[in-house]
Amino acid sequence: MGKVSIKDALNFAVKKHNQGKLNEAEIIYRKILDKFPNNSNALHLLGLIAHQTGKGEEAVKYINKAIQINPNASYYSNLGMVYDSLGKEEESIKSFNKALSLNPNYNKAHLAHYNLGIYFKGRGEFEKALEHYNKAIKLKKDFFDAYWNRGLILLLLQRFEEGWKDYEFRFKKESPTDKRNFKKPKWDGSFLDGKKILIVSEQGLGDNIQFIRYVPLVKEKQGYIIFECRKELKKLFEGFSGIDEFIDKGSNLLDIDYDFYIHLMSLPKLFNTNLQNIPNKIPYLKSDFKLVEKFKSKINSDNFKIGIVWSGNPAFPDNEEKSVDLKKFESVKEFLKNMKNIKEVDFFSLQKGKPFEQLKNSGSEIIDMDSEITDFADTAAIIKNMDLIICVDTAVAHLAGALGKPVWVLLSYIPDWRWFINRKDSPWYQTMKLFRQKKQGDWNNVFEEIKKELKKILI
């Protein structure tokens, strides 16, 4: 290392590290360790480079060695992060807890509490999760992802006033749900008196279907409503009462003449939504009569008709938890086939996207409607021809509920906030039944319940 001090060498390497010059930083860290093999800083930082370059197990080895020499909070915290990336949840949580026990206020303590919040939510220990999110926020007032995650739990627990408030932090978190600058005032719920209000589409297709129910409440404020709409939903929404004008999602807002804007999913907060005042008059969506008749002739069945969807959008990070294998529905079909003295049943796949390939390659007797569906207006018309919809938590669940069709929704152990906990019905949709996992990842009990319930209605 010549006459350069260890401290100077480390500082220079860290500078390279922070610039993203990982190879150069690694060479210096290794040179330091050649001379001083027990330099905990160099070992720890070498572990971080291993983590950044996808060598998780190597990272664990280096950081653990650094901890043996100098057990400090930051090392344990980064070890927790590495274990998390390797999917070793229990080891990750132990590391974060150890970091906090060594120093409750170390520079990344807020992240440790945040990760503990995620962990306890996944176990259904919501009060513990809230406690950790509160501590994270106390340590870092502008930690907006913690506010957002806290809001999701509060809404799940039906603590609406606090939950809606935190839900607004979705625009400030690290990956905001909408980055656009609207250059006009955000609507505060006051009387519009003929002024133009832009209602902004956001998040998933199901979110739009669920929350369009609030448009009539906005219309009561006597404004001209411009609704930003996803193309897949436009035909379905065209007949919806209260919308004066549609613009396509992603339109140049500089070309739009409006006075105020509001995001669609900010409307529940503005209208102080709680269990008693959810606007849940069903149906609030309608299907085109001609389309319904068209699909009636195509379907052409006098049997009991069940429409199914087994997966949401694979691009969504939690889709794997919410989705099931098509074979689960095949088992239901086989169960009914072996039952005597029940109505004849036909199953129709309303599945779209990549998960549809499961059916395509299965040789199943489930009737494929994929090629018939171009948008949600088609899906709605097919749903109207069904006797029952059974689906996972996806846009079709909301569409069936909004149309007033009987719909059974299959929910993972920790469901999305809108389904709340410990209830079999939904205050959003009067014709909906909820079937919940009893433990994480176990769909068997859910499908046993489905079989029992089908037996009751098909006799």
Protein backbone atom coordinates (compact mmCIF):
# COMPACT_ATOMS: atom_id res chain seq x y z
CA MET A 1 0.00 0.00 0.00
CA GLY A 2 3.13 2.24 0.01
CA LYS A 3 2.92 5.27 2.24
CA VAL A 4 -0.84 5.58 1.85
CA SER A 5 -2.58 5.02 5.18
CA ILE A 6 -5.22 2.34 5.57
CA LYS A 7 -7.77 5.04 6.30
CA ASP A 8 -6.91 6.93 3.08
CA ALA A 9 -6.93 3.74 1.05
CA LEU A 10 -10.34 2.78 2.43
CA ASN A 11 -11.74 6.25 1.77
CA PHE A 12 -10.46 6.14 -1.82
CA ALA A 13 -11.95 2.66 -2.34
CA VAL A 14 -15.30 3.75 -0.88
CA LYS A 15 -15.31 6.71 -3.28
CA LYS A 16 -14.81 4.32 -6.21
CA HIS A 17 -17.47 2.03 -4.72
CA ASN A 18 -20.00 4.85 -4.51
CA GLN A 19 -19.23 5.83 -8.12
CA GLY A 20 -20.18 2.30 -9.19
CA LYS A 21 -16.59 1.36 -10.04
CA LEU A 22 -16.89 -1.93 -8.23
CA ASN A 23 -13.90 -3.69 -9.79
CA GLU A 24 -11.54 -0.86 -8.83
CA ALA A 25 -12.94 -0.73 -5.30
CA GLU A 26 -12.66 -4.50 -4.92
CA ILE A 27 -8.98 -4.49 -5.91
CA ILE A 28 -8.20 -1.93 -3.19
CA TYR A 29 -10.24 -3.78 -0.53
CA ARG A 30 -8.35 -7.00 -1.35
CA LYS A 31 -4.97 -5.24 -1.19
CA ILE A 32 -5.89 -3.93 2.27
CA LEU A 33 -6.86 -7.45 3.35
CA ASP A 34 -3.59 -8.89 1.98
CA LYS A 35 -1.77 -6.76 4.54
CA PHE A 36 -4.43 -6.63 7.24
CA PRO A 37 -6.64 -9.74 6.93
CA ASN A 38 -8.68 -8.74 9.98
CA ASN A 39 -9.69 -5.30 8.73
CA SER A 40 -13.42 -5.49 9.39
CA ASN A 41 -14.30 -2.48 7.20
CA ALA A 42 -12.61 -3.99 4.14
CA LEU A 43 -14.27 -7.38 4.77
CA HIS A 44 -17.68 -5.78 5.19
CA LEU A 45 -17.32 -3.64 2.06
CA LEU A 46 -16.06 -6.61 0.04
CA GLY A 47 -19.19 -8.42 1.20
CA LEU A 48 -21.33 -5.56 -0.08
CA ILE A 49 -19.66 -5.76 -3.50
CA ALA A 50 -20.31 -9.50 -3.58
CA HIS A 51 -23.97 -8.75 -2.80
CA GLN A 52 -24.15 -6.10 -5.52
CA THR A 53 -22.71 -8.50 -8.09
CA GLY A 54 -25.12 -11.32 -7.28
CA LYS A 55 -22.78 -13.42 -5.13
CA GLY A 56 -25.01 -13.64 -2.07
CA GLU A 57 -23.38 -16.59 -0.30
CA GLU A 58 -19.94 -15.01 -0.72
CA ALA A 59 -21.34 -11.77 0.73
CA VAL A 60 -22.62 -13.65 3.80
CA LYS A 61 -19.18 -15.15 4.34
CA TYR A 62 -17.35 -11.80 4.21
CA ILE A 63 -19.85 -9.88 6.35
CA ASN A 64 -19.98 -12.65 8.96
CA LYS A 65 -16.20 -12.56 9.17
CA ALA A 66 -16.34 -8.77 9.67
CA ILE A 67 -18.93 -9.27 12.44
CA GLN A 68 -16.67 -11.78 14.25
CA ILE A 69 -13.99 -9.09 14.39
CA ASN A 70 -16.23 -6.10 15.06
CA PRO A 71 -19.92 -6.88 15.82
CA ASN A 72 -21.58 -3.56 14.98
CA ALA A 73 -25.13 -2.63 13.98
CA SER A 74 -24.36 -1.59 10.41
CA TYR A 75 -22.72 -4.93 9.61
CA TYR A 76 -25.67 -6.86 11.00
CA SER A 77 -28.08 -4.62 9.11
CA ASN A 78 -26.36 -5.28 5.79
CA LEU A 79 -26.19 -8.97 6.58
CA GLY A 80 -29.96 -8.85 7.04
CA MET A 81 -30.29 -7.23 3.63
CA VAL A 82 -28.15 -9.95 2.00
CA TYR A 83 -30.11 -12.75 3.68
CA ASP A 84 -33.32 -11.09 2.48
CA SER A 85 -32.06 -11.11 -1.12
CA LEU A 86 -31.30 -14.83 -0.73
CA GLY A 87 -34.83 -15.53 0.49
CA LYS A 88 -33.56 -16.53 3.95
CA GLU A 89 -36.24 -14.69 5.86
CA GLU A 90 -35.58 -15.99 9.38
CA GLU A 91 -31.83 -15.25 9.18
CA SER A 92 -32.61 -11.81 7.78
CA ILE A 93 -34.96 -10.96 10.66
CA LYS A 94 -32.45 -12.19 13.28
CA SER A 95 -29.82 -9.93 11.74
CA PHE A 96 -32.06 -6.85 11.74
CA ASN A 97 -33.09 -7.51 15.35
CA LYS A 98 -29.44 -7.91 16.37
CA ALA A 99 -28.56 -4.62 14.66
CA LEU A 100 -31.31 -2.80 16.57
CA SER A 101 -30.31 -4.41 19.88
CA LEU A 102 -26.73 -3.19 19.41
CA ASN A 103 -27.78 0.34 18.46
CA PRO A 104 -31.47 1.31 18.18
CA ASN A 105 -30.53 4.56 16.42
CA TYR A 106 -27.83 3.51 13.96
CA ASN A 107 -27.93 5.25 10.58
CA LYS A 108 -30.09 2.61 8.86
CA ALA A 109 -32.26 1.62 11.82
CA HIS A 110 -35.35 2.86 9.95
CA LEU A 111 -34.72 0.25 7.24
CA ALA A 112 -34.42 -2.51 9.83
CA HIS A 113 -37.81 -1.54 11.28
CA TYR A 114 -39.25 -1.34 7.76
CA ASN A 115 -38.10 -4.88 6.96
CA LEU A 116 -39.45 -6.13 10.28
CA GLY A 117 -42.77 -4.49 9.42
CA ILE A 118 -42.90 -6.43 6.14
CA TYR A 119 -42.02 -9.65 7.97
CA PHE A 120 -44.73 -9.32 10.62
CA LYS A 121 -47.37 -8.34 8.09
CA GLY A 122 -46.57 -11.52 6.13
CA ARG A 123 -47.20 -13.52 9.30
CA GLY A 124 -50.50 -11.78 9.96
CA GLU A 125 -49.11 -10.05 13.08
CA PHE A 126 -50.46 -6.66 12.09
CA GLU A 127 -50.02 -4.79 15.37
CA LYS A 128 -46.33 -5.73 15.50
CA ALA A 129 -45.96 -4.65 11.88
CA LEU A 130 -47.57 -1.28 12.66
CA GLU A 131 -45.27 -0.86 15.65
CA HIS A 132 -42.20 -1.26 13.43
CA TYR A 133 -43.52 1.06 10.71
CA ASN A 134 -44.21 3.68 13.40
CA LYS A 135 -40.64 3.34 14.67
CA ALA A 136 -39.27 3.61 11.12
CA ILE A 137 -41.25 6.82 10.57
CA LYS A 138 -40.14 8.23 13.93
CA LEU A 139 -36.51 7.71 12.93
CA LYS A 140 -36.99 9.09 9.40
CA LYS A 141 -39.89 11.50 9.01
CA ASP A 142 -39.75 11.46 5.19
CA PHE A 143 -39.69 7.65 4.88
CA PHE A 144 -42.70 7.59 2.59
CA ASP A 145 -42.60 3.86 1.79
CA ALA A 146 -43.16 3.18 5.50
CA TYR A 147 -46.19 5.50 5.55
CA TRP A 148 -47.58 3.70 2.49
CA ASN A 149 -47.07 0.22 3.95
CA ARG A 150 -48.57 1.35 7.24
CA GLY A 151 -51.59 2.69 5.37
CA LEU A 152 -52.18 -0.67 3.65
CA ILE A 153 -52.35 -2.41 7.02
CA LEU A 154 -54.61 0.26 8.53
CA LEU A 155 -57.03 -0.13 5.62
CA LEU A 156 -56.87 -3.92 5.90
CA LEU A 157 -57.88 -3.50 9.56
CA GLN A 158 -60.71 -1.11 8.55
CA ARG A 159 -59.05 1.83 10.32
CA PHE A 160 -60.16 4.04 7.46
CA GLU A 161 -59.45 7.59 8.59
CA GLU A 162 -55.79 6.85 9.34
CA GLY A 163 -55.49 4.45 6.41
CA TRP A 164 -56.76 6.82 3.70
CA LYS A 165 -54.36 9.48 4.98
CA ASP A 166 -51.34 7.19 4.64
CA TYR A 167 -52.59 5.85 1.30
CA GLU A 168 -51.87 9.28 -0.23
CA PHE A 169 -48.15 8.70 0.25
CA ARG A 170 -48.24 6.44 -2.83
CA PHE A 171 -47.15 9.47 -4.85
CA LYS A 172 -44.08 10.12 -2.68
CA LYS A 173 -42.68 6.64 -2.16
CA GLU A 174 -39.51 5.44 -3.88
CA SER A 175 -41.50 4.03 -6.82
CA PRO A 176 -44.48 6.42 -6.96
CA THR A 177 -47.71 5.23 -8.55
CA ASP A 178 -47.83 8.38 -10.70
CA LYS A 179 -44.88 10.66 -11.41
CA ARG A 180 -46.70 13.21 -13.59
CA ASN A 181 -46.96 16.92 -12.87
CA PHE A 182 -50.56 18.07 -13.31
CA LYS A 183 -49.90 21.85 -13.18
CA LYS A 184 -53.43 22.46 -11.90
CA PRO A 185 -54.81 22.41 -8.34
CA LYS A 186 -55.69 19.10 -6.73
CA TRP A 187 -59.43 18.98 -6.02
CA ASP A 188 -60.32 19.27 -2.33
CA GLY A 189 -63.91 18.03 -2.63
CA SER A 190 -65.50 21.48 -2.77
CA PHE A 191 -68.44 22.47 -5.00
CA LEU A 192 -67.32 22.62 -8.65
CA ASP A 193 -70.02 24.89 -10.09
CA GLY A 194 -69.48 23.85 -13.72
CA LYS A 195 -65.68 23.74 -13.58
CA LYS A 196 -63.82 20.90 -15.30
CA ILE A 197 -62.33 18.15 -13.19
CA LEU A 198 -59.92 15.52 -14.49
CA ILE A 199 -60.28 12.16 -12.74
CA VAL A 200 -56.98 10.37 -13.16
CA SER A 201 -56.75 6.64 -13.81
CA GLU A 202 -54.21 4.79 -11.72
CA GLN A 203 -52.83 1.41 -10.72
CA GLY A 204 -54.49 -1.78 -12.00
CA LEU A 205 -57.55 -2.44 -14.15
CA GLY A 206 -59.40 -3.86 -11.15
CA ASP A 207 -58.74 -0.65 -9.20
CA ASN A 208 -60.40 1.36 -11.95
CA ILE A 209 -63.41 -0.96 -12.04
CA GLN A 210 -63.77 -0.88 -8.26
CA PHE A 211 -63.45 2.87 -7.76
CA ILE A 212 -65.34 4.25 -10.75
CA ARG A 213 -68.33 3.92 -8.38
CA TYR A 214 -67.23 7.26 -6.89
CA VAL A 215 -67.78 9.25 -10.11
CA PRO A 216 -71.50 9.92 -9.41
CA LEU A 217 -70.51 11.44 -6.05
CA VAL A 218 -68.14 13.79 -7.85
CA LYS A 219 -70.89 14.61 -10.35
CA GLU A 220 -73.11 15.73 -7.47
CA LYS A 221 -70.62 18.57 -6.99
CA GLN A 222 -71.88 19.96 -10.33
CA GLY A 223 -68.70 19.70 -12.36
CA TYR A 224 -67.79 18.67 -15.90
CA ILE A 225 -66.03 15.30 -15.53
CA ILE A 226 -63.13 14.31 -17.76
CA PHE A 227 -62.16 10.70 -17.10
CA GLU A 228 -58.73 9.36 -18.00
CA CYS A 229 -59.32 5.79 -19.16
CA ARG A 230 -57.31 2.69 -20.00
CA LYS A 231 -58.10 1.51 -23.53
CA GLU A 232 -59.15 -1.96 -22.29
CA LEU A 233 -61.89 -0.33 -20.19
CA LYS A 234 -63.15 2.44 -22.44
CA LYS A 235 -65.95 0.53 -24.15
CA LEU A 236 -67.11 -0.86 -20.79
CA PHE A 237 -67.15 2.58 -19.15
CA GLU A 238 -68.68 4.54 -22.02
CA GLY A 239 -72.21 4.20 -20.72
CA PHE A 240 -71.30 5.07 -17.14
CA SER A 241 -73.41 7.88 -15.71
CA GLY A 242 -71.67 11.13 -14.86
CA ILE A 243 -68.70 11.05 -17.23
CA ASP A 244 -68.82 13.92 -19.74
CA GLU A 245 -65.61 13.21 -21.64
CA PHE A 246 -63.00 10.48 -21.93
CA ILE A 247 -59.30 10.87 -22.59
CA ASP A 248 -56.89 8.02 -23.15
CA LYS A 249 -54.52 6.98 -20.39
CA GLY A 250 -51.17 8.60 -21.09
CA SER A 251 -52.58 11.54 -23.07
CA ASN A 252 -50.51 14.73 -23.05
CA LEU A 253 -52.09 16.65 -20.18
CA LEU A 254 -50.91 19.94 -21.68
CA ASP A 255 -53.49 19.36 -24.43
CA ILE A 256 -56.33 18.89 -21.93
CA ASP A 257 -58.44 21.78 -20.67
CA TYR A 258 -59.31 21.23 -17.00
CA ASP A 259 -59.48 23.24 -13.77
CA PHE A 260 -58.81 20.61 -11.11
CA TYR A 261 -57.55 17.05 -10.98
CA ILE A 262 -58.00 14.15 -8.57
CA HIS A 263 -56.71 10.58 -8.70
CA LEU A 264 -59.49 8.01 -8.80
CA MET A 265 -58.26 6.22 -5.68
CA SER A 266 -58.05 9.44 -3.68
CA LEU A 267 -61.84 9.75 -3.86
CA PRO A 268 -62.56 7.37 -0.93
CA LYS A 269 -60.52 9.67 1.33
CA LEU A 270 -62.25 12.82 0.03
CA PHE A 271 -65.67 11.26 0.71
CA ASN A 272 -64.60 9.99 4.15
CA THR A 273 -65.33 6.40 3.22
CA ASN A 274 -66.00 3.86 5.96
CA LEU A 275 -67.95 0.59 6.20
CA GLN A 276 -71.24 2.43 6.67
CA ASN A 277 -71.05 4.71 3.64
CA ILE A 278 -69.28 2.69 0.90
CA PRO A 279 -71.21 3.45 -2.31
CA ASN A 280 -72.19 -0.17 -2.97
CA LYS A 281 -75.38 -0.03 -5.00
CA ILE A 282 -75.06 -2.99 -7.34
CA PRO A 283 -74.91 -3.23 -10.32
CA TYR A 284 -73.14 0.01 -11.13
CA LEU A 285 -71.76 -1.27 -14.44
CA LYS A 286 -73.81 -2.56 -17.36
CA SER A 287 -73.04 -4.80 -20.28
CA ASP A 288 -74.02 -4.03 -23.85
CA PHE A 289 -77.23 -5.95 -24.64
CA LYS A 290 -76.15 -6.82 -28.19
CA LEU A 291 -72.85 -8.22 -26.94
CA VAL A 292 -74.65 -10.28 -24.29
CA GLU A 293 -76.89 -11.77 -26.97
CA LYS A 294 -73.96 -12.39 -29.28
CA PHE A 295 -72.15 -14.41 -26.61
CA LYS A 296 -75.33 -16.19 -25.59
CA SER A 297 -75.55 -17.71 -29.05
CA LYS A 298 -71.84 -18.58 -29.06
CA ILE A 299 -71.93 -20.19 -25.61
CA ASN A 300 -75.17 -22.03 -26.41
CA SER A 301 -75.43 -24.13 -23.24
CA ASP A 302 -78.32 -24.97 -20.94
CA ASN A 303 -75.96 -26.31 -18.29
CA PHE A 304 -74.89 -24.44 -15.17
CA LYS A 305 -72.12 -22.15 -16.44
CA ILE A 306 -69.07 -21.25 -14.34
CA GLY A 307 -66.52 -18.71 -15.56
CA ILE A 308 -63.03 -19.10 -14.08
CA VAL A 309 -59.81 -17.09 -13.84
CA TRP A 310 -56.77 -18.59 -12.11
CA SER A 311 -54.14 -15.86 -12.45
CA GLY A 312 -53.77 -12.10 -12.46
CA ASN A 313 -51.11 -10.11 -14.29
CA PRO A 314 -47.71 -11.88 -13.99
CA ALA A 315 -46.03 -8.45 -14.11
CA PHE A 316 -47.44 -7.61 -10.66
CA PRO A 317 -44.95 -8.50 -7.88
CA ASP A 318 -47.49 -10.34 -5.69
CA ASN A 319 -49.22 -12.19 -8.51
CA GLU A 320 -47.61 -15.54 -7.74
CA GLU A 321 -49.05 -15.49 -4.20
CA LYS A 322 -52.53 -14.64 -5.48
CA SER A 323 -52.62 -17.11 -8.38
CA VAL A 324 -53.43 -20.82 -8.49
CA ASP A 325 -52.56 -23.64 -10.84
CA LEU A 326 -55.24 -24.47 -13.40
CA LYS A 327 -55.10 -28.06 -12.10
CA LYS A 328 -56.95 -26.88 -8.99
CA PHE A 329 -59.95 -26.00 -11.15
CA GLU A 330 -59.53 -29.27 -13.05
CA SER A 331 -59.88 -31.09 -9.72
CA VAL A 332 -63.17 -29.25 -9.08
CA LYS A 333 -64.43 -30.22 -12.52
CA GLU A 334 -63.48 -33.86 -11.88
CA PHE A 335 -65.17 -33.76 -8.47
CA LEU A 336 -68.44 -32.54 -10.01
CA LYS A 337 -68.20 -35.09 -12.82
CA ASN A 338 -68.24 -37.88 -10.25
CA MET A 339 -71.20 -36.44 -8.35
CA LYS A 340 -74.64 -37.92 -8.93
CA ASN A 341 -77.97 -36.08 -9.02
CA ILE A 342 -76.52 -32.61 -9.59
CA LYS A 343 -76.92 -30.14 -12.44
CA GLU A 344 -74.67 -30.52 -15.46
CA VAL A 345 -71.84 -27.96 -15.34
CA ASP A 346 -69.72 -26.29 -18.01
CA PHE A 347 -66.54 -24.43 -17.12
CA PHE A 348 -65.49 -21.42 -19.22
CA SER A 349 -62.02 -19.87 -19.08
CA LEU A 350 -62.04 -16.07 -18.97
CA GLN A 351 -58.27 -16.06 -18.47
CA LYS A 352 -56.17 -13.68 -20.55
CA GLY A 353 -52.42 -13.19 -20.96
CA LYS A 354 -49.53 -15.59 -20.49
CA PRO A 355 -51.22 -17.76 -17.79
CA PHE A 356 -53.75 -18.77 -20.45
CA GLU A 357 -51.03 -21.04 -21.91
CA GLN A 358 -51.71 -23.47 -19.05
CA LEU A 359 -55.11 -24.18 -20.60
CA LYS A 360 -53.81 -24.15 -24.16
CA ASN A 361 -51.34 -26.91 -23.34
CA SER A 362 -53.51 -28.95 -20.99
CA GLY A 363 -55.96 -30.77 -23.26
CA SER A 364 -58.64 -29.73 -20.77
CA GLU A 365 -62.41 -29.85 -21.29
CA ILE A 366 -62.64 -26.31 -19.89
CA ILE A 367 -64.08 -24.14 -22.67
CA ASP A 368 -61.65 -21.50 -23.90
CA MET A 369 -63.05 -17.97 -24.41
CA ASP A 370 -59.67 -16.26 -24.88
CA SER A 371 -60.00 -15.67 -28.63
CA GLU A 372 -63.44 -14.11 -28.12
CA ILE A 373 -62.24 -11.43 -25.68
CA THR A 374 -60.78 -8.18 -27.03
CA ASP A 375 -61.55 -5.90 -24.08
CA PHE A 376 -63.51 -5.76 -20.82
CA ALA A 377 -66.79 -5.07 -22.61
CA ASP A 378 -66.48 -8.58 -24.09
CA THR A 379 -65.56 -10.03 -20.71
CA ALA A 380 -68.58 -8.31 -19.14
CA ALA A 381 -70.93 -9.75 -21.78
CA ILE A 382 -69.56 -13.26 -21.20
CA ILE A 383 -69.91 -12.82 -17.42
CA LYS A 384 -73.57 -11.87 -17.92
CA ASN A 385 -74.05 -15.26 -19.60
CA MET A 386 -72.52 -17.15 -16.69
CA ASP A 387 -74.32 -18.43 -13.58
CA LEU A 388 -71.26 -18.03 -11.37
CA ILE A 389 -67.73 -16.65 -11.55
CA ILE A 390 -64.92 -18.26 -9.52
CA CYS A 391 -61.63 -16.41 -9.71
CA VAL A 392 -58.54 -15.25 -7.92
CA ASP A 393 -58.08 -11.62 -6.85
CA THR A 394 -57.99 -10.00 -10.27
CA ALA A 395 -59.92 -7.47 -12.37
CA VAL A 396 -62.55 -10.07 -13.30
CA ALA A 397 -63.54 -10.35 -9.63
CA HIS A 398 -64.29 -6.62 -9.56
CA LEU A 399 -66.07 -6.72 -12.90
CA ALA A 400 -68.34 -9.59 -11.88
CA GLY A 401 -69.09 -7.83 -8.58
CA ALA A 402 -69.81 -4.51 -10.32
CA LEU A 403 -72.21 -6.30 -12.70
CA GLY A 404 -74.04 -7.89 -9.76
CA LYS A 405 -73.14 -11.43 -10.82
CA PRO A 406 -72.51 -14.10 -8.14
CA VAL A 407 -68.72 -14.28 -7.77
CA TRP A 408 -66.51 -16.34 -5.50
CA VAL A 409 -63.05 -14.87 -4.93
CA LEU A 410 -60.06 -16.95 -3.82
CA LEU A 411 -57.79 -15.01 -1.48
CA SER A 412 -54.23 -15.59 -0.30
CA TYR A 413 -53.42 -15.74 3.42
CA ILE A 414 -52.63 -12.02 3.64
CA PRO A 415 -54.96 -10.51 1.04
CA ASP A 416 -54.97 -7.09 -0.55
CA TRP A 417 -56.28 -4.43 1.84
CA ARG A 418 -59.67 -4.06 0.13
CA TRP A 419 -60.79 -7.55 1.19
CA PHE A 420 -60.11 -6.82 4.87
CA ILE A 421 -59.71 -9.80 7.23
CA ASN A 422 -61.90 -12.46 8.83
CA ARG A 423 -64.98 -11.96 6.69
CA LYS A 424 -66.60 -14.08 4.00
CA ASP A 425 -68.48 -11.26 2.30
CA SER A 426 -67.37 -7.97 0.79
CA PRO A 427 -68.90 -4.61 1.65
CA TRP A 428 -67.88 -3.46 -1.83
CA TYR A 429 -69.96 -6.08 -3.68
CA GLN A 430 -73.18 -7.63 -2.38
CA THR A 431 -73.02 -10.71 -4.64
CA MET A 432 -69.49 -11.71 -3.66
CA LYS A 433 -68.24 -14.52 -1.42
CA LEU A 434 -64.66 -14.68 -0.19
CA PHE A 435 -62.72 -17.92 0.24
CA ARG A 436 -59.50 -17.44 2.23
CA GLN A 437 -56.33 -19.46 2.70
CA LYS A 438 -55.95 -20.67 6.28
CA LYS A 439 -52.17 -20.66 5.98
CA GLN A 440 -49.69 -19.12 3.58
CA GLY A 441 -49.57 -20.81 0.18
CA ASP A 442 -52.13 -23.52 0.97
CA TRP A 443 -54.95 -23.52 -1.58
CA ASN A 444 -56.16 -27.02 -0.69
CA ASN A 445 -58.56 -25.91 2.04
CA VAL A 446 -59.89 -23.17 -0.26
CA PHE A 447 -60.76 -25.63 -3.01
CA GLU A 448 -62.30 -28.07 -0.54
CA GLU A 449 -64.61 -25.25 0.55
CA ILE A 450 -65.38 -24.46 -3.09
CA LYS A 451 -66.39 -28.08 -3.72
CA LYS A 452 -68.69 -28.11 -0.68
CA GLU A 453 -70.36 -24.85 -1.70
CA LEU A 454 -70.83 -25.99 -5.30
CA LYS A 455 -72.39 -29.23 -4.11
CA LYS A 456 -74.97 -27.17 -2.18
CA ILE A 457 -76.03 -25.00 -5.11
CA LEU A 458 -75.97 -27.71 -7.81
CA ILE A 459 -78.28 -30.25 -6.12
